[in-house]
Amino acid sequence: MKKIICTCLVAGGVLYAQPADVQVKPPTVQKKAVVTRGDVKIIEATENIRYISQQMAKEYLFLFLTPRQEETKAALKRSLIELADNLRVISATTKDRDTKDILEFLAYSKDQIAQIFTEKIDKEKAALMLDYSETLLEGADSIAAAHAYDFTQEEHMLIIAKKMEYLTERMMKYYIALHVGFDNPNNKEQMKEAIGKFDENMKQIAAYDYPKEVRPVEKEMVRAWKANRGFLSRSESLFIPKLMLLSTNVLEELTARIALYHNKNQ
């Protein structure tokens, strides 16, 4: 994957130029000792950022594959607005200095993505989108780790469901990437890892004792994943992007219904 060129790293409030071909990573933060309602809001925002980070890269790669998709362009703009909204939620909530530094870094990345959206679509920008999606993901992970606390069972299951939504986008990001010129070993391994994590989370969903009215959704979700997993495992020999996007959308909708149940059940 092509690395981000001429990006910046926030350190102590000062922006430093980053040499070419060096993967940029946001600074890490330490886990917070005292938990507040603000931490809950921040955890929710980081889950949204994880999802959006993978969704935008997937949509851009699909746009690169089929450049006349006006609907996809509109979806990218909406995702960018949602990203900015979630960054603002964290900014308005946190008082942690390290978290604020990471936010500056992520805001810079968001601005670079916005610039990419105004320019002609090409392979170089697709590579940058892959890199920025990882930057946003790492930043969200660092902020979430700093605001983590002991979750209740329902909160834990909600987070599991939210992770599965983002993992669906991540799998599709790499599914498309591998067929539009980014078929390197690292991307293959990342896709394999995302599938493995989804499998692990699906086991927790299948083991949960859902009420009668929710069981059909859980069972349909298991069936949908089995079908999608079969196609993903054959991705090197079978590339059907439009069908896979429709199929994973169904999986995502079912996952969202499970997430809604746990959200209401807290």
C-alpha atoms as a PDB file:
ATOM      1  CA  MET A   1       0.000   0.000   0.000  1.00  0.00           C
ATOM      2  CA  LYS A   2       1.329   3.424  -0.832  1.00  0.00           C
ATOM      3  CA  LYS A   3       2.148   5.389   2.283  1.00  0.00           C
ATOM      4  CA  ILE A   4       0.885   8.860   3.008  1.00  0.00           C
ATOM      5  CA  ILE A   5       3.223  11.505   1.620  1.00  0.00           C
ATOM      6  CA  CYS A   6       3.839  14.896   3.247  1.00  0.00           C
ATOM      7  CA  THR A   7       1.443  14.406   6.114  1.00  0.00           C
ATOM      8  CA  CYS A   8       1.791  15.937   9.543  1.00  0.00           C
ATOM      9  CA  LEU A   9       2.043  14.656  13.096  1.00  0.00           C
ATOM     10  CA  VAL A  10       0.704  16.610  16.039  1.00  0.00           C
ATOM     11  CA  ALA A  11       3.124  16.578  18.934  1.00  0.00           C
ATOM     12  CA  GLY A  12       2.910  19.087  21.732  1.00  0.00           C
ATOM     13  CA  GLY A  13       0.720  21.323  19.598  1.00  0.00           C
ATOM     14  CA  VAL A  14       3.367  21.644  16.848  1.00  0.00           C
ATOM     15  CA  LEU A  15       2.978  20.182  13.359  1.00  0.00           C
ATOM     16  CA  TYR A  16       6.034  18.382  12.003  1.00  0.00           C
ATOM     17  CA  ALA A  17       6.531  17.403   8.361  1.00  0.00           C
ATOM     18  CA  GLN A  18       6.679  13.644   7.932  1.00  0.00           C
ATOM     19  CA  PRO A  19       9.213  12.158   5.483  1.00  0.00           C
ATOM     20  CA  ALA A  20       7.877  10.311   2.451  1.00  0.00           C
ATOM     21  CA  ASP A  21       7.057   6.599   2.643  1.00  0.00           C
ATOM     22  CA  VAL A  22       6.734   6.566   6.426  1.00  0.00           C
ATOM     23  CA  GLN A  23       3.479   5.251   7.887  1.00  0.00           C
ATOM     24  CA  VAL A  24       2.080   7.890  10.202  1.00  0.00           C
ATOM     25  CA  LYS A  25       0.452   6.809  13.452  1.00  0.00           C
ATOM     26  CA  PRO A  26      -1.385   9.009  15.928  1.00  0.00           C
ATOM     27  CA  PRO A  27       0.026   9.338  19.446  1.00  0.00           C
ATOM     28  CA  THR A  28      -1.279   6.909  22.056  1.00  0.00           C
ATOM     29  CA  VAL A  29      -2.939   7.792  25.345  1.00  0.00           C
ATOM     30  CA  GLN A  30      -3.131   6.135  28.753  1.00  0.00           C
ATOM     31  CA  LYS A  31      -6.317   4.549  30.124  1.00  0.00           C
ATOM     32  CA  LYS A  32      -8.388   6.906  32.246  1.00  0.00           C
ATOM     33  CA  ALA A  33      -8.968   6.008  35.902  1.00  0.00           C
ATOM     34  CA  VAL A  34     -12.242   7.903  36.568  1.00  0.00           C
ATOM     35  CA  VAL A  35     -15.209   7.125  34.307  1.00  0.00           C
ATOM     36  CA  THR A  36     -17.819   9.785  33.477  1.00  0.00           C
ATOM     37  CA  ARG A  37     -20.892  10.055  31.267  1.00  0.00           C
ATOM     38  CA  GLY A  38     -18.591  11.895  28.872  1.00  0.00           C
ATOM     39  CA  ASP A  39     -16.520   8.733  28.485  1.00  0.00           C
ATOM     40  CA  VAL A  40     -19.652   6.879  27.349  1.00  0.00           C
ATOM     41  CA  LYS A  41     -20.325   9.522  24.687  1.00  0.00           C
ATOM     42  CA  ILE A  42     -16.708   9.360  23.546  1.00  0.00           C
ATOM     43  CA  ILE A  43     -16.784   5.550  23.266  1.00  0.00           C
ATOM     44  CA  GLU A  44     -19.926   5.848  21.113  1.00  0.00           C
ATOM     45  CA  ALA A  45     -18.248   8.453  18.901  1.00  0.00           C
ATOM     46  CA  THR A  46     -15.126   6.332  18.449  1.00  0.00           C
ATOM     47  CA  GLU A  47     -17.258   3.379  17.349  1.00  0.00           C
ATOM     48  CA  ASN A  48     -18.863   5.649  14.753  1.00  0.00           C
ATOM     49  CA  ILE A  49     -15.449   6.863  13.565  1.00  0.00           C
ATOM     50  CA  ARG A  50     -14.219   3.291  13.191  1.00  0.00           C
ATOM     51  CA  TYR A  51     -17.193   2.510  10.978  1.00  0.00           C
ATOM     52  CA  ILE A  52     -16.946   5.696   8.908  1.00  0.00           C
ATOM     53  CA  SER A  53     -13.204   5.282   8.388  1.00  0.00           C
ATOM     54  CA  GLN A  54     -13.695   1.922   6.685  1.00  0.00           C
ATOM     55  CA  GLN A  55     -16.898   2.917   4.901  1.00  0.00           C
ATOM     56  CA  MET A  56     -15.334   5.943   3.194  1.00  0.00           C
ATOM     57  CA  ALA A  57     -12.364   3.949   1.909  1.00  0.00           C
ATOM     58  CA  LYS A  58     -14.661   1.183   0.655  1.00  0.00           C
ATOM     59  CA  GLU A  59     -16.941   3.678  -1.110  1.00  0.00           C
ATOM     60  CA  TYR A  60     -13.996   5.490  -2.697  1.00  0.00           C
ATOM     61  CA  LEU A  61     -12.560   2.216  -4.007  1.00  0.00           C
ATOM     62  CA  PHE A  62     -15.973   1.345  -5.420  1.00  0.00           C
ATOM     63  CA  LEU A  63     -16.054   4.787  -7.019  1.00  0.00           C
ATOM     64  CA  PHE A  64     -12.607   4.117  -8.493  1.00  0.00           C
ATOM     65  CA  LEU A  65     -13.985   0.868  -9.877  1.00  0.00           C
ATOM     66  CA  THR A  66     -17.189   2.437 -11.264  1.00  0.00           C
ATOM     67  CA  PRO A  67     -16.556   6.207 -11.614  1.00  0.00           C
ATOM     68  CA  ARG A  68     -20.085   7.174 -12.746  1.00  0.00           C
ATOM     69  CA  GLN A  69     -21.764   6.322  -9.474  1.00  0.00           C
ATOM     70  CA  GLU A  70     -23.260   9.655  -8.393  1.00  0.00           C
ATOM     71  CA  GLU A  71     -25.000   7.941  -5.493  1.00  0.00           C
ATOM     72  CA  THR A  72     -21.617   6.800  -4.185  1.00  0.00           C
ATOM     73  CA  LYS A  73     -20.242  10.341  -4.383  1.00  0.00           C
ATOM     74  CA  ALA A  74     -23.184  11.596  -2.341  1.00  0.00           C
ATOM     75  CA  ALA A  75     -22.620   8.832   0.225  1.00  0.00           C
ATOM     76  CA  LEU A  76     -18.985   9.867   0.573  1.00  0.00           C
ATOM     77  CA  LYS A  77     -19.984  13.461   1.295  1.00  0.00           C
ATOM     78  CA  ARG A  78     -22.477  12.320   3.935  1.00  0.00           C
ATOM     79  CA  SER A  79     -19.828  10.135   5.567  1.00  0.00           C
ATOM     80  CA  LEU A  80     -17.416  13.066   5.723  1.00  0.00           C
ATOM     81  CA  ILE A  81     -20.070  15.169   7.492  1.00  0.00           C
ATOM     82  CA  GLU A  82     -20.710  12.332   9.973  1.00  0.00           C
ATOM     83  CA  LEU A  83     -16.975  12.054  10.620  1.00  0.00           C
ATOM     84  CA  ALA A  84     -16.747  15.769  11.384  1.00  0.00           C
ATOM     85  CA  ASP A  85     -19.791  15.531  13.694  1.00  0.00           C
ATOM     86  CA  ASN A  86     -18.255  12.697  15.729  1.00  0.00           C
ATOM     87  CA  LEU A  87     -14.919  14.477  16.007  1.00  0.00           C
ATOM     88  CA  ARG A  88     -16.804  17.500  17.364  1.00  0.00           C
ATOM     89  CA  VAL A  89     -18.586  15.338  19.946  1.00  0.00           C
ATOM     90  CA  ILE A  90     -15.263  14.131  21.294  1.00  0.00           C
ATOM     91  CA  SER A  91     -13.722  17.591  21.170  1.00  0.00           C
ATOM     92  CA  ALA A  92     -16.625  19.114  23.098  1.00  0.00           C
ATOM     93  CA  THR A  93     -16.586  16.326  25.696  1.00  0.00           C
ATOM     94  CA  THR A  94     -12.987  15.440  26.485  1.00  0.00           C
ATOM     95  CA  LYS A  95     -10.660  17.394  28.744  1.00  0.00           C
ATOM     96  CA  ASP A  96      -7.747  15.041  28.170  1.00  0.00           C
ATOM     97  CA  ARG A  97      -4.773  16.770  26.543  1.00  0.00           C
ATOM     98  CA  ASP A  98      -3.531  13.674  24.700  1.00  0.00           C
ATOM     99  CA  THR A  99      -6.994  13.017  23.296  1.00  0.00           C
ATOM    100  CA  LYS A 100      -7.163  16.601  22.055  1.00  0.00           C
ATOM    101  CA  ASP A 101      -3.804  16.132  20.312  1.00  0.00           C
ATOM    102  CA  ILE A 102      -5.101  13.024  18.577  1.00  0.00           C
ATOM    103  CA  LEU A 103      -8.221  14.950  17.538  1.00  0.00           C
ATOM    104  CA  GLU A 104      -6.064  17.592  15.856  1.00  0.00           C
ATOM    105  CA  PHE A 105      -4.328  14.814  13.984  1.00  0.00           C
ATOM    106  CA  LEU A 106      -7.628  13.240  12.923  1.00  0.00           C
ATOM    107  CA  ALA A 107      -9.039  16.634  11.925  1.00  0.00           C
ATOM    108  CA  TYR A 108      -6.027  17.085   9.642  1.00  0.00           C
ATOM    109  CA  SER A 109      -6.699  13.661   8.111  1.00  0.00           C
ATOM    110  CA  LYS A 110     -10.363  14.564   7.634  1.00  0.00           C
ATOM    111  CA  ASP A 111      -9.363  17.751   5.795  1.00  0.00           C
ATOM    112  CA  GLN A 112      -7.031  15.790   3.518  1.00  0.00           C
ATOM    113  CA  ILE A 113      -9.832  13.358   2.706  1.00  0.00           C
ATOM    114  CA  ALA A 114     -12.137  16.288   1.912  1.00  0.00           C
ATOM    115  CA  GLN A 115      -9.492  17.567  -0.513  1.00  0.00           C
ATOM    116  CA  ILE A 116      -9.235  14.150  -2.180  1.00  0.00           C
ATOM    117  CA  PHE A 117     -12.995  14.184  -2.756  1.00  0.00           C
ATOM    118  CA  THR A 118     -12.655  17.406  -4.788  1.00  0.00           C
ATOM    119  CA  GLU A 119     -10.028  15.968  -7.121  1.00  0.00           C
ATOM    120  CA  LYS A 120     -10.071  13.533 -10.011  1.00  0.00           C
ATOM    121  CA  ILE A 121     -10.298   9.905  -8.952  1.00  0.00           C
ATOM    122  CA  ASP A 122      -7.132   7.903  -9.554  1.00  0.00           C
ATOM    123  CA  LYS A 123      -5.137   5.017  -8.109  1.00  0.00           C
ATOM    124  CA  GLU A 124      -2.804   7.268  -6.110  1.00  0.00           C
ATOM    125  CA  LYS A 125      -5.728   8.856  -4.277  1.00  0.00           C
ATOM    126  CA  ALA A 126      -7.283   5.434  -3.730  1.00  0.00           C
ATOM    127  CA  ALA A 127      -4.022   4.415  -2.025  1.00  0.00           C
ATOM    128  CA  LEU A 128      -4.169   7.539   0.125  1.00  0.00           C
ATOM    129  CA  MET A 129      -7.744   6.725   1.127  1.00  0.00           C
ATOM    130  CA  LEU A 130      -6.616   3.293   2.280  1.00  0.00           C
ATOM    131  CA  ASP A 131      -3.903   4.907   4.396  1.00  0.00           C
ATOM    132  CA  TYR A 132      -6.185   7.583   5.848  1.00  0.00           C
ATOM    133  CA  SER A 133      -8.772   4.958   6.751  1.00  0.00           C
ATOM    134  CA  GLU A 134      -6.131   3.213   8.864  1.00  0.00           C
ATOM    135  CA  THR A 135      -5.041   6.509  10.409  1.00  0.00           C
ATOM    136  CA  LEU A 136      -8.603   7.322  11.486  1.00  0.00           C
ATOM    137  CA  LEU A 137      -9.055   3.788  12.815  1.00  0.00           C
ATOM    138  CA  GLU A 138      -5.864   3.911  14.881  1.00  0.00           C
ATOM    139  CA  GLY A 139      -6.776   7.307  16.261  1.00  0.00           C
ATOM    140  CA  ALA A 140     -10.257   6.119  17.258  1.00  0.00           C
ATOM    141  CA  ASP A 141      -8.735   3.037  18.900  1.00  0.00           C
ATOM    142  CA  SER A 142      -6.314   5.174  20.941  1.00  0.00           C
ATOM    143  CA  ILE A 143      -9.053   7.532  22.146  1.00  0.00           C
ATOM    144  CA  ALA A 144     -11.379   4.635  23.000  1.00  0.00           C
ATOM    145  CA  ALA A 145      -8.640   2.933  25.020  1.00  0.00           C
ATOM    146  CA  ALA A 146      -8.134   6.108  27.068  1.00  0.00           C
ATOM    147  CA  HIS A 147     -11.843   6.338  27.924  1.00  0.00           C
ATOM    148  CA  ALA A 148     -12.573   2.626  28.400  1.00  0.00           C
ATOM    149  CA  TYR A 149     -14.307   1.363  31.524  1.00  0.00           C
ATOM    150  CA  ASP A 150     -15.855  -1.862  32.848  1.00  0.00           C
ATOM    151  CA  PHE A 151     -18.814  -2.470  30.544  1.00  0.00           C
ATOM    152  CA  THR A 152     -22.065  -4.099  31.615  1.00  0.00           C
ATOM    153  CA  GLN A 153     -23.074  -7.237  29.694  1.00  0.00           C
ATOM    154  CA  GLU A 154     -25.469  -5.271  27.480  1.00  0.00           C
ATOM    155  CA  GLU A 155     -22.874  -2.572  26.810  1.00  0.00           C
ATOM    156  CA  HIS A 156     -20.376  -5.286  25.940  1.00  0.00           C
ATOM    157  CA  MET A 157     -22.811  -6.909  23.491  1.00  0.00           C
ATOM    158  CA  LEU A 158     -23.646  -3.520  21.985  1.00  0.00           C
ATOM    159  CA  ILE A 159     -19.956  -2.875  21.362  1.00  0.00           C
ATOM    160  CA  ILE A 160     -19.611  -6.359  19.854  1.00  0.00           C
ATOM    161  CA  ALA A 161     -22.434  -5.556  17.413  1.00  0.00           C
ATOM    162  CA  LYS A 162     -20.969  -2.136  16.568  1.00  0.00           C
ATOM    163  CA  LYS A 163     -17.569  -3.744  15.910  1.00  0.00           C
ATOM    164  CA  MET A 164     -19.231  -6.203  13.565  1.00  0.00           C
ATOM    165  CA  GLU A 165     -20.733  -3.334  11.587  1.00  0.00           C
ATOM    166  CA  TYR A 166     -17.312  -1.752  11.159  1.00  0.00           C
ATOM    167  CA  LEU A 167     -15.694  -5.128  10.386  1.00  0.00           C
ATOM    168  CA  THR A 168     -18.227  -5.654   7.574  1.00  0.00           C
ATOM    169  CA  GLU A 169     -17.074  -2.397   5.990  1.00  0.00           C
ATOM    170  CA  ARG A 170     -13.432  -3.330   6.595  1.00  0.00           C
ATOM    171  CA  MET A 171     -13.800  -6.725   4.903  1.00  0.00           C
ATOM    172  CA  MET A 172     -15.442  -5.115   1.888  1.00  0.00           C
ATOM    173  CA  LYS A 173     -12.769  -2.420   1.758  1.00  0.00           C
ATOM    174  CA  TYR A 174     -10.096  -5.045   1.333  1.00  0.00           C
ATOM    175  CA  TYR A 175     -12.284  -7.235  -0.877  1.00  0.00           C
ATOM    176  CA  ILE A 176     -12.437  -4.408  -3.424  1.00  0.00           C
ATOM    177  CA  ALA A 177      -8.851  -3.238  -2.804  1.00  0.00           C
ATOM    178  CA  LEU A 178      -7.445  -6.640  -3.713  1.00  0.00           C
ATOM    179  CA  HIS A 179      -9.097  -6.410  -7.139  1.00  0.00           C
ATOM    180  CA  VAL A 180      -8.264  -2.820  -8.088  1.00  0.00           C
ATOM    181  CA  GLY A 181      -4.498  -2.993  -7.834  1.00  0.00           C
ATOM    182  CA  PHE A 182      -3.780  -3.295  -4.101  1.00  0.00           C
ATOM    183  CA  ASP A 183      -3.341  -7.073  -3.850  1.00  0.00           C
ATOM    184  CA  ASN A 184      -0.292  -6.982  -1.596  1.00  0.00           C
ATOM    185  CA  PRO A 185       0.307  -9.496   1.246  1.00  0.00           C
ATOM    186  CA  ASN A 186      -0.501  -6.946   3.966  1.00  0.00           C
ATOM    187  CA  ASN A 187      -3.963  -6.208   2.559  1.00  0.00           C
ATOM    188  CA  LYS A 188      -4.661  -9.925   2.185  1.00  0.00           C
ATOM    189  CA  GLU A 189      -3.650 -10.483   5.799  1.00  0.00           C
ATOM    190  CA  GLN A 190      -5.789  -7.559   7.004  1.00  0.00           C
ATOM    191  CA  MET A 191      -8.821  -8.980   5.214  1.00  0.00           C
ATOM    192  CA  LYS A 192      -8.165 -12.437   6.695  1.00  0.00           C
ATOM    193  CA  GLU A 193      -7.822 -10.900  10.172  1.00  0.00           C
ATOM    194  CA  ALA A 194     -11.104  -8.964   9.802  1.00  0.00           C
ATOM    195  CA  ILE A 195     -12.902 -12.179   8.798  1.00  0.00           C
ATOM    196  CA  GLY A 196     -11.436 -13.943  11.836  1.00  0.00           C
ATOM    197  CA  LYS A 197     -12.557 -11.168  14.192  1.00  0.00           C
ATOM    198  CA  PHE A 198     -16.048 -11.233  12.705  1.00  0.00           C
ATOM    199  CA  ASP A 199     -16.149 -14.995  13.296  1.00  0.00           C
ATOM    200  CA  GLU A 200     -15.192 -14.497  16.951  1.00  0.00           C
ATOM    201  CA  ASN A 201     -17.855 -11.840  17.478  1.00  0.00           C
ATOM    202  CA  MET A 202     -20.479 -13.923  15.702  1.00  0.00           C
ATOM    203  CA  LYS A 203     -19.857 -16.728  18.226  1.00  0.00           C
ATOM    204  CA  GLN A 204     -20.721 -14.310  21.032  1.00  0.00           C
ATOM    205  CA  ILE A 205     -23.906 -13.243  19.251  1.00  0.00           C
ATOM    206  CA  ALA A 206     -24.890 -16.888  18.667  1.00  0.00           C
ATOM    207  CA  ALA A 207     -24.223 -17.746  22.325  1.00  0.00           C
ATOM    208  CA  TYR A 208     -26.345 -14.893  23.703  1.00  0.00           C
ATOM    209  CA  ASP A 209     -29.817 -15.828  24.987  1.00  0.00           C
ATOM    210  CA  TYR A 210     -32.011 -13.518  22.898  1.00  0.00           C
ATOM    211  CA  PRO A 211     -35.771 -13.261  23.564  1.00  0.00           C
ATOM    212  CA  LYS A 212     -38.185 -14.995  21.222  1.00  0.00           C
ATOM    213  CA  GLU A 213     -38.875 -11.894  19.111  1.00  0.00           C
ATOM    214  CA  VAL A 214     -35.165 -11.277  18.435  1.00  0.00           C
ATOM    215  CA  ARG A 215     -34.088 -14.857  17.720  1.00  0.00           C
ATOM    216  CA  PRO A 216     -35.196 -14.765  14.036  1.00  0.00           C
ATOM    217  CA  VAL A 217     -32.934 -11.750  13.470  1.00  0.00           C
ATOM    218  CA  GLU A 218     -29.993 -13.506  15.129  1.00  0.00           C
ATOM    219  CA  LYS A 219     -30.571 -16.707  13.127  1.00  0.00           C
ATOM    220  CA  GLU A 220     -30.886 -14.775   9.856  1.00  0.00           C
ATOM    221  CA  MET A 221     -27.686 -12.910  10.715  1.00  0.00           C
ATOM    222  CA  VAL A 222     -25.855 -16.226  11.184  1.00  0.00           C
ATOM    223  CA  ARG A 223     -27.147 -17.445   7.799  1.00  0.00           C
ATOM    224  CA  ALA A 224     -26.205 -14.180   6.083  1.00  0.00           C
ATOM    225  CA  TRP A 225     -22.688 -14.327   7.478  1.00  0.00           C
ATOM    226  CA  LYS A 226     -22.265 -17.939   6.347  1.00  0.00           C
ATOM    227  CA  ALA A 227     -23.151 -16.907   2.786  1.00  0.00           C
ATOM    228  CA  ASN A 228     -20.948 -13.813   2.818  1.00  0.00           C
ATOM    229  CA  ARG A 229     -18.038 -15.671   4.365  1.00  0.00           C
ATOM    230  CA  GLY A 230     -18.217 -18.244   1.588  1.00  0.00           C
ATOM    231  CA  PHE A 231     -17.868 -15.559  -1.089  1.00  0.00           C
ATOM    232  CA  LEU A 232     -15.135 -13.728   0.808  1.00  0.00           C
ATOM    233  CA  SER A 233     -13.100 -16.914   1.139  1.00  0.00           C
ATOM    234  CA  ARG A 234     -13.215 -17.245  -2.668  1.00  0.00           C
ATOM    235  CA  SER A 235     -12.359 -13.579  -3.268  1.00  0.00           C
ATOM    236  CA  GLU A 236      -9.179 -14.316  -5.227  1.00  0.00           C
ATOM    237  CA  SER A 237     -11.069 -16.307  -7.873  1.00  0.00           C
ATOM    238  CA  LEU A 238     -14.534 -14.741  -7.666  1.00  0.00           C
ATOM    239  CA  PHE A 239     -14.992 -10.960  -7.796  1.00  0.00           C
ATOM    240  CA  ILE A 240     -18.635  -9.803  -7.757  1.00  0.00           C
ATOM    241  CA  PRO A 241     -18.490  -6.344  -6.113  1.00  0.00           C
ATOM    242  CA  LYS A 242     -22.051  -5.140  -6.730  1.00  0.00           C
ATOM    243  CA  LEU A 243     -23.589  -8.387  -5.527  1.00  0.00           C
ATOM    244  CA  MET A 244     -21.281  -8.457  -2.503  1.00  0.00           C
ATOM    245  CA  LEU A 245     -22.148  -4.863  -1.602  1.00  0.00           C
ATOM    246  CA  LEU A 246     -25.849  -5.751  -1.633  1.00  0.00           C
ATOM    247  CA  SER A 247     -25.240  -8.924   0.346  1.00  0.00           C
ATOM    248  CA  THR A 248     -23.090  -7.260   3.013  1.00  0.00           C
ATOM    249  CA  ASN A 249     -25.643  -4.443   3.279  1.00  0.00           C
ATOM    250  CA  VAL A 250     -28.190  -7.071   4.341  1.00  0.00           C
ATOM    251  CA  LEU A 251     -25.706  -8.437   6.898  1.00  0.00           C
ATOM    252  CA  GLU A 252     -25.071  -4.939   8.191  1.00  0.00           C
ATOM    253  CA  GLU A 253     -28.793  -4.184   8.530  1.00  0.00           C
ATOM    254  CA  LEU A 254     -29.284  -7.346  10.588  1.00  0.00           C
ATOM    255  CA  THR A 255     -26.287  -6.454  12.762  1.00  0.00           C
ATOM    256  CA  ALA A 256     -27.721  -2.975  13.292  1.00  0.00           C
ATOM    257  CA  ARG A 257     -30.991  -4.529  14.531  1.00  0.00           C
ATOM    258  CA  ILE A 258     -29.037  -6.603  17.051  1.00  0.00           C
ATOM    259  CA  ALA A 259     -27.159  -3.464  18.134  1.00  0.00           C
ATOM    260  CA  LEU A 260     -30.471  -1.619  18.553  1.00  0.00           C
ATOM    261  CA  TYR A 261     -31.788  -4.393  20.803  1.00  0.00           C
ATOM    262  CA  HIS A 262     -28.754  -4.160  23.107  1.00  0.00           C
ATOM    263  CA  ASN A 263     -28.874  -0.377  23.061  1.00  0.00           C
ATOM    264  CA  LYS A 264     -32.512  -0.378  24.218  1.00  0.00           C
ATOM    265  CA  ASN A 265     -31.858  -3.166  26.705  1.00  0.00           C
ATOM    266  CA  GLN A 266     -29.173  -1.308  28.686  1.00  0.00           C
END
